[in-house]
Amino acid sequence: LTGILSKLYLIVSCLKEILITIESYKKATHLTIADRKYLKQLQEKVCNTNDLKYLFVLLLRHFDPTVQSHQFLQETVVANHHLLVLLENCPKVSKPDILEHLRQFASEDVMKQYGVLLACYEDNGEMVNNCVFTMMHHVAGDLEKVSALFHPSILKSFTKMLETEFEIREDWTDLVEYVLQKCLKTKHVKAVPTDLKLCLDEDEEMGADVAQRKITLEPVKEPAAPEWSKEDQESLCWYFTQSVMAGDPIAHIQQLFLENCGQTKTRTGIIENLWKQGIIQEDQYKTLFAREMPPNDPEVIQSNNSEMDILEGIQVIIDYL
């Protein structure tokens, strides 16, 4: 098996070098008219070789990290990237044909492999990371299949990149933020493990008190609270993902606003805006708000004293953090 995998690795590496060579010669300025004509024909024949396009799709779908090396995955992704560049620059290949080919990559099983490679983004080098992000951009943007990127390994890497302020292109930063925010807003809600829940009470006595309170869904008005701008609302979405593991998530969000924006946000204001943006559900809003109200307040929110539900996609980020 080792011998077969080694040969397969060499084949992919050779294909990658051939594609890179064609790209390089197309940029050369010293070629004759006859050479350019031949090079154009070569590009067209390569682009019309369906088996070559399907080969990379097949290799990515069936990549097995238990028997195949990280270097093999890297070579496959880079080779496929250069083939896509060749396709995009070929006059005889239409945009609909390219999109049709890209749809084969817009699946969770293929994006999972890209996530495996992205997990080593600090060691990959700019070229490899660019290949990964370009494909993800096609999937989330051109094909509108952003849900294919809601894979644990991808979300973990995206979170770590933003936390450590890893230097990447502005376009890729926008992609990272877009995917994480989209994951927050579109994934269905499920209960998380007990050790990750947002505790609503400090002790059992307070829990009994809160469980008896009345419900009101009218947002509480806070005249002293600073106005929430569009930028604040966007920041809140990201701060929420960073704070779920904290002992007091709302206080942690307050601290992030203070450190990064120089703003003092109220606890109830944060909870209210989390609800308005759809980051938390109605029952979560009731439960969190109940904690902020004094036990003897006549207009408070009843809590079902249940565990805090969070988005399935963000759960993997929490597990990682």
Protein backbone atom coordinates (compact mmCIF):
# COMPACT_ATOMS: atom_id res chain seq x y z
CA LEU A 1 0.00 0.00 0.00
CA THR A 2 2.86 2.36 0.80
CA GLY A 3 4.32 1.90 -2.67
CA ILE A 4 1.00 2.64 -4.35
CA LEU A 5 0.48 5.78 -2.27
CA SER A 6 3.99 6.97 -3.08
CA LYS A 7 3.36 6.55 -6.81
CA LEU A 8 0.04 8.37 -6.52
CA TYR A 9 1.78 11.21 -4.71
CA LEU A 10 4.37 11.47 -7.50
CA ILE A 11 1.64 11.48 -10.17
CA VAL A 12 -0.20 14.35 -8.49
CA SER A 13 3.05 16.27 -8.04
CA CYS A 14 3.91 15.82 -11.72
CA LEU A 15 0.47 17.00 -12.80
CA LYS A 16 0.84 20.04 -10.58
CA GLU A 17 4.20 20.93 -12.12
CA ILE A 18 2.81 20.53 -15.65
CA LEU A 19 -0.05 22.91 -14.88
CA ILE A 20 2.30 25.43 -13.27
CA THR A 21 4.61 25.21 -16.29
CA ILE A 22 1.77 25.97 -18.70
CA GLU A 23 0.79 28.98 -16.59
CA SER A 24 4.38 30.22 -16.51
CA TYR A 25 4.88 29.95 -20.27
CA LYS A 26 1.63 31.83 -20.89
CA LYS A 27 3.13 34.77 -19.02
CA ALA A 28 6.41 34.64 -20.94
CA THR A 29 7.12 37.52 -23.34
CA HIS A 30 9.82 35.93 -25.52
CA LEU A 31 7.61 33.29 -27.21
CA THR A 32 7.09 33.29 -30.96
CA ILE A 33 3.64 33.42 -32.55
CA ALA A 34 3.89 29.71 -33.36
CA ASP A 35 4.81 28.91 -29.75
CA ARG A 36 1.86 30.90 -28.44
CA LYS A 37 -0.49 29.13 -30.82
CA TYR A 38 0.78 25.74 -29.68
CA LEU A 39 0.52 26.79 -26.03
CA LYS A 40 -3.07 27.89 -26.57
CA GLN A 41 -3.93 24.53 -28.11
CA LEU A 42 -2.26 22.74 -25.22
CA GLN A 43 -4.27 24.75 -22.70
CA GLU A 44 -7.53 23.99 -24.51
CA LYS A 45 -6.79 20.27 -24.64
CA VAL A 46 -5.92 20.17 -20.95
CA CYS A 47 -9.11 22.07 -20.06
CA ASN A 48 -11.19 19.67 -22.16
CA THR A 49 -9.73 16.61 -20.44
CA ASN A 50 -12.62 15.75 -18.15
CA ASP A 51 -10.80 12.82 -16.57
CA LEU A 52 -8.18 15.21 -15.21
CA LYS A 53 -10.82 17.40 -13.59
CA TYR A 54 -12.62 14.42 -12.11
CA LEU A 55 -9.35 12.95 -10.84
CA PHE A 56 -8.83 15.74 -8.32
CA VAL A 57 -12.45 15.57 -7.20
CA LEU A 58 -12.06 11.83 -6.65
CA LEU A 59 -8.78 12.19 -4.76
CA LEU A 60 -10.21 14.83 -2.45
CA ARG A 61 -13.40 12.93 -1.71
CA HIS A 62 -11.53 9.76 -0.82
CA PHE A 63 -8.57 11.28 1.01
CA ASP A 64 -7.90 9.29 4.18
CA PRO A 65 -5.59 11.00 6.71
CA THR A 66 -4.97 7.67 8.46
CA VAL A 67 -3.09 6.27 5.46
CA GLN A 68 -2.33 9.30 3.28
CA SER A 69 0.02 12.11 4.18
CA HIS A 70 -0.69 15.78 4.75
CA GLN A 71 1.75 16.53 1.92
CA PHE A 72 -0.37 14.49 -0.49
CA LEU A 73 -3.49 16.46 0.42
CA GLN A 74 -1.54 19.68 0.01
CA GLU A 75 -0.26 18.68 -3.44
CA THR A 76 -3.77 17.67 -4.53
CA VAL A 77 -5.35 20.96 -3.43
CA VAL A 78 -2.61 23.05 -5.04
CA ALA A 79 -2.71 21.06 -8.30
CA ASN A 80 -6.48 21.41 -8.45
CA HIS A 81 -6.14 25.16 -7.86
CA HIS A 82 -3.79 25.55 -10.82
CA LEU A 83 -6.17 23.55 -12.99
CA LEU A 84 -9.01 25.89 -12.02
CA VAL A 85 -6.85 28.90 -12.89
CA LEU A 86 -6.18 27.35 -16.28
CA LEU A 87 -9.91 26.77 -16.79
CA GLU A 88 -10.79 30.34 -15.84
CA ASN A 89 -8.25 31.73 -18.31
CA CYS A 90 -9.31 29.50 -21.19
CA PRO A 91 -11.53 31.39 -23.71
CA LYS A 92 -13.28 28.20 -24.80
CA VAL A 93 -14.45 27.32 -21.30
CA SER A 94 -17.60 29.22 -20.35
CA LYS A 95 -18.34 30.52 -16.87
CA PRO A 96 -21.39 28.23 -16.50
CA ASP A 97 -19.14 25.24 -17.27
CA ILE A 98 -16.69 26.35 -14.60
CA LEU A 99 -19.46 26.80 -12.05
CA GLU A 100 -20.82 23.38 -12.91
CA HIS A 101 -17.41 21.89 -12.22
CA LEU A 102 -17.05 23.84 -8.97
CA ARG A 103 -20.35 22.43 -7.70
CA GLN A 104 -18.61 19.10 -7.24
CA PHE A 105 -16.52 20.71 -4.50
CA ALA A 106 -19.48 22.36 -2.75
CA SER A 107 -20.18 19.42 -0.47
CA GLU A 108 -19.40 18.74 3.15
CA ASP A 109 -17.18 15.74 2.41
CA VAL A 110 -14.92 17.73 0.08
CA MET A 111 -14.87 20.85 2.27
CA LYS A 112 -13.96 18.61 5.19
CA GLN A 113 -10.69 17.81 3.42
CA TYR A 114 -10.02 21.48 2.85
CA GLY A 115 -10.66 21.94 6.55
CA VAL A 116 -8.03 19.32 7.35
CA LEU A 117 -5.50 21.28 5.32
CA LEU A 118 -6.60 24.63 6.74
CA ALA A 119 -6.02 23.34 10.27
CA CYS A 120 -2.29 23.71 9.57
CA TYR A 121 -2.65 27.25 8.21
CA GLU A 122 0.28 28.53 10.26
CA ASP A 123 2.66 26.07 8.55
CA ASN A 124 1.06 25.85 5.10
CA GLY A 125 2.53 28.97 3.62
CA GLU A 126 0.72 31.75 1.77
CA MET A 127 0.34 29.83 -1.49
CA VAL A 128 -1.38 26.82 0.05
CA ASN A 129 -3.66 28.95 2.21
CA ASN A 130 -4.56 31.00 -0.85
CA CYS A 131 -5.60 27.82 -2.68
CA VAL A 132 -7.80 26.78 0.24
CA PHE A 133 -9.44 30.17 0.67
CA THR A 134 -10.03 30.57 -3.07
CA MET A 135 -12.02 27.35 -3.21
CA MET A 136 -13.95 28.25 -0.07
CA HIS A 137 -14.72 31.65 -1.57
CA HIS A 138 -16.13 29.96 -4.67
CA VAL A 139 -18.26 27.66 -2.54
CA ALA A 140 -19.60 30.33 -0.16
CA GLY A 141 -19.84 33.12 -2.74
CA ASP A 142 -20.27 31.98 -6.35
CA LEU A 143 -22.21 28.84 -5.44
CA GLU A 144 -23.93 30.23 -2.32
CA LYS A 145 -23.26 27.00 -0.42
CA VAL A 146 -21.88 28.55 2.74
CA SER A 147 -23.38 25.74 4.83
CA ALA A 148 -20.79 23.38 3.33
CA LEU A 149 -18.21 25.31 5.37
CA PHE A 150 -19.96 24.68 8.69
CA HIS A 151 -17.57 21.84 9.45
CA PRO A 152 -15.87 21.63 12.86
CA SER A 153 -12.31 21.78 11.55
CA ILE A 154 -13.09 24.81 9.39
CA LEU A 155 -14.91 26.69 12.15
CA LYS A 156 -12.11 25.92 14.61
CA SER A 157 -9.47 27.30 12.24
CA PHE A 158 -11.51 30.40 11.42
CA THR A 159 -12.01 31.12 15.12
CA LYS A 160 -8.34 30.71 15.92
CA MET A 161 -7.35 32.97 13.01
CA LEU A 162 -9.46 35.83 14.31
CA GLU A 163 -8.40 35.29 17.91
CA THR A 164 -4.69 35.32 17.09
CA GLU A 165 -5.09 38.01 14.40
CA PHE A 166 -3.34 35.79 11.89
CA GLU A 167 -2.34 37.89 8.89
CA ILE A 168 -4.35 37.02 5.78
CA ARG A 169 -5.75 38.97 2.85
CA GLU A 170 -8.66 41.29 3.58
CA ASP A 171 -10.87 39.25 1.24
CA TRP A 172 -10.18 36.13 3.27
CA THR A 173 -10.84 37.93 6.55
CA ASP A 174 -14.24 38.96 5.20
CA LEU A 175 -14.89 35.33 4.24
CA VAL A 176 -13.96 34.08 7.71
CA GLU A 177 -16.23 36.59 9.46
CA TYR A 178 -19.07 35.95 7.01
CA VAL A 179 -18.99 32.18 7.52
CA LEU A 180 -18.93 32.45 11.32
CA GLN A 181 -21.78 34.97 11.43
CA LYS A 182 -23.80 32.96 8.93
CA CYS A 183 -23.27 29.87 11.05
CA LEU A 184 -24.59 31.69 14.10
CA LYS A 185 -27.72 32.89 12.34
CA THR A 186 -28.69 29.89 10.25
CA LYS A 187 -27.81 26.76 12.17
CA HIS A 188 -30.62 25.19 14.15
CA VAL A 189 -30.36 25.18 17.93
CA LYS A 190 -29.55 22.20 20.08
CA ALA A 191 -28.66 21.64 23.71
CA VAL A 192 -25.02 21.61 24.64
CA PRO A 193 -23.25 19.46 27.24
CA THR A 194 -23.90 20.36 30.87
CA ASP A 195 -20.42 21.71 31.44
CA LEU A 196 -20.88 24.20 28.59
CA LYS A 197 -24.34 25.51 29.50
CA LEU A 198 -24.91 29.09 30.57
CA CYS A 199 -25.93 28.77 34.21
CA LEU A 200 -28.85 31.00 35.03
CA ASP A 201 -28.56 30.80 38.81
CA GLU A 202 -25.74 30.85 41.28
CA ASP A 203 -27.50 28.37 43.55
CA GLU A 204 -30.62 26.23 43.80
CA GLU A 205 -32.55 28.79 45.87
CA MET A 206 -32.28 31.46 43.22
CA GLY A 207 -33.26 28.87 40.63
CA ALA A 208 -36.49 28.20 42.52
CA ASP A 209 -37.21 31.94 42.67
CA VAL A 210 -36.65 32.50 38.97
CA ALA A 211 -38.84 29.55 38.01
CA GLN A 212 -41.85 31.26 39.64
CA ARG A 213 -41.56 34.58 37.84
CA LYS A 214 -44.02 35.96 35.28
CA ILE A 215 -43.26 36.35 31.59
CA THR A 216 -43.01 39.58 29.66
CA LEU A 217 -41.67 39.71 26.11
CA GLU A 218 -41.58 43.50 25.86
CA PRO A 219 -37.95 44.62 25.58
CA VAL A 220 -36.91 46.65 28.61
CA LYS A 221 -36.17 50.29 27.83
CA GLU A 222 -32.91 51.62 29.16
CA PRO A 223 -32.59 55.40 28.68
CA ALA A 224 -29.04 55.43 29.96
CA ALA A 225 -27.83 52.73 27.61
CA PRO A 226 -25.65 53.86 24.66
CA GLU A 227 -27.15 53.54 21.20
CA TRP A 228 -26.29 50.37 19.28
CA SER A 229 -24.75 51.12 15.90
CA LYS A 230 -24.52 48.69 13.00
CA GLU A 231 -20.85 48.12 13.86
CA ASP A 232 -21.77 47.34 17.46
CA GLN A 233 -24.32 44.77 16.33
CA GLU A 234 -21.78 43.10 14.04
CA SER A 235 -19.23 43.04 16.85
CA LEU A 236 -21.78 41.53 19.23
CA CYS A 237 -22.27 38.55 16.94
CA TRP A 238 -18.55 37.75 17.07
CA TYR A 239 -18.11 38.56 20.77
CA PHE A 240 -20.90 36.10 21.54
CA THR A 241 -18.93 33.21 20.04
CA GLN A 242 -15.91 34.17 22.15
CA SER A 243 -17.82 34.42 25.40
CA VAL A 244 -19.98 31.30 25.66
CA MET A 245 -17.33 29.40 27.62
CA ALA A 246 -16.89 32.21 30.16
CA GLY A 247 -18.33 31.82 33.63
CA ASP A 248 -20.41 34.95 33.02
CA PRO A 249 -20.77 35.30 29.22
CA ILE A 250 -22.64 38.62 29.36
CA ALA A 251 -19.93 40.17 31.54
CA HIS A 252 -17.31 38.83 29.15
CA ILE A 253 -19.08 40.49 26.21
CA GLN A 254 -19.18 43.74 28.21
CA GLN A 255 -15.44 43.50 28.77
CA LEU A 256 -14.77 42.89 25.05
CA PHE A 257 -16.76 45.99 24.11
CA LEU A 258 -14.86 48.03 26.69
CA GLU A 259 -11.43 46.79 25.58
CA ASN A 260 -11.97 46.88 21.82
CA CYS A 261 -14.49 49.70 21.36
CA GLY A 262 -14.12 51.77 24.52
CA GLN A 263 -17.86 51.39 25.14
CA THR A 264 -19.78 50.40 28.25
CA LYS A 265 -22.73 48.21 27.31
CA THR A 266 -25.42 47.23 29.81
CA ARG A 267 -26.12 43.58 30.47
CA THR A 268 -29.79 43.89 29.54
CA GLY A 269 -28.87 45.82 26.41
CA ILE A 270 -26.57 43.02 25.31
CA ILE A 271 -29.22 40.36 25.95
CA GLU A 272 -31.86 42.38 24.12
CA ASN A 273 -29.66 42.86 21.05
CA LEU A 274 -28.67 39.20 21.00
CA TRP A 275 -32.38 38.42 20.75
CA LYS A 276 -33.17 41.11 18.17
CA GLN A 277 -30.42 39.84 15.87
CA GLY A 278 -31.63 36.27 16.14
CA ILE A 279 -28.41 35.09 17.76
CA ILE A 280 -30.37 33.66 20.67
CA GLN A 281 -33.90 32.30 20.64
CA GLU A 282 -36.96 33.70 22.43
CA ASP A 283 -36.81 31.19 25.27
CA GLN A 284 -33.12 31.94 25.72
CA TYR A 285 -33.91 35.64 25.86
CA LYS A 286 -36.49 35.04 28.60
CA THR A 287 -34.12 32.87 30.58
CA LEU A 288 -31.15 35.24 30.40
CA PHE A 289 -33.26 38.28 31.14
CA ALA A 290 -34.80 36.61 34.19
CA ARG A 291 -31.37 36.47 35.76
CA GLU A 292 -30.98 40.23 35.48
CA MET A 293 -34.24 41.07 37.29
CA PRO A 294 -34.64 41.29 41.09
CA PRO A 295 -36.77 38.48 42.61
CA ASN A 296 -39.49 40.89 43.80
CA ASP A 297 -39.95 42.75 40.49
CA PRO A 298 -43.58 42.46 39.34
CA GLU A 299 -42.64 42.62 35.65
CA VAL A 300 -40.02 39.97 35.23
CA ILE A 301 -39.48 37.05 32.94
CA GLN A 302 -40.24 33.47 33.91
CA SER A 303 -37.50 30.96 33.25
CA ASN A 304 -37.99 27.28 32.61
CA ASN A 305 -34.62 26.77 34.31
CA SER A 306 -33.40 24.78 31.31
CA GLU A 307 -29.91 24.59 29.84
CA MET A 308 -28.91 27.32 27.42
CA ASP A 309 -29.29 26.27 23.80
CA ILE A 310 -26.68 27.48 21.37
CA LEU A 311 -26.09 27.00 17.70
CA GLU A 312 -24.82 23.62 16.55
CA GLY A 313 -22.10 25.14 14.45
CA ILE A 314 -20.78 27.29 17.30
CA GLN A 315 -20.70 24.31 19.66
CA VAL A 316 -17.61 23.04 17.88
CA ILE A 317 -15.96 26.42 18.35
CA ILE A 318 -16.75 26.27 22.05
CA ASP A 319 -15.32 22.77 22.35
CA TYR A 320 -12.13 24.02 20.76
CA LEU A 321 -11.82 27.16 22.85
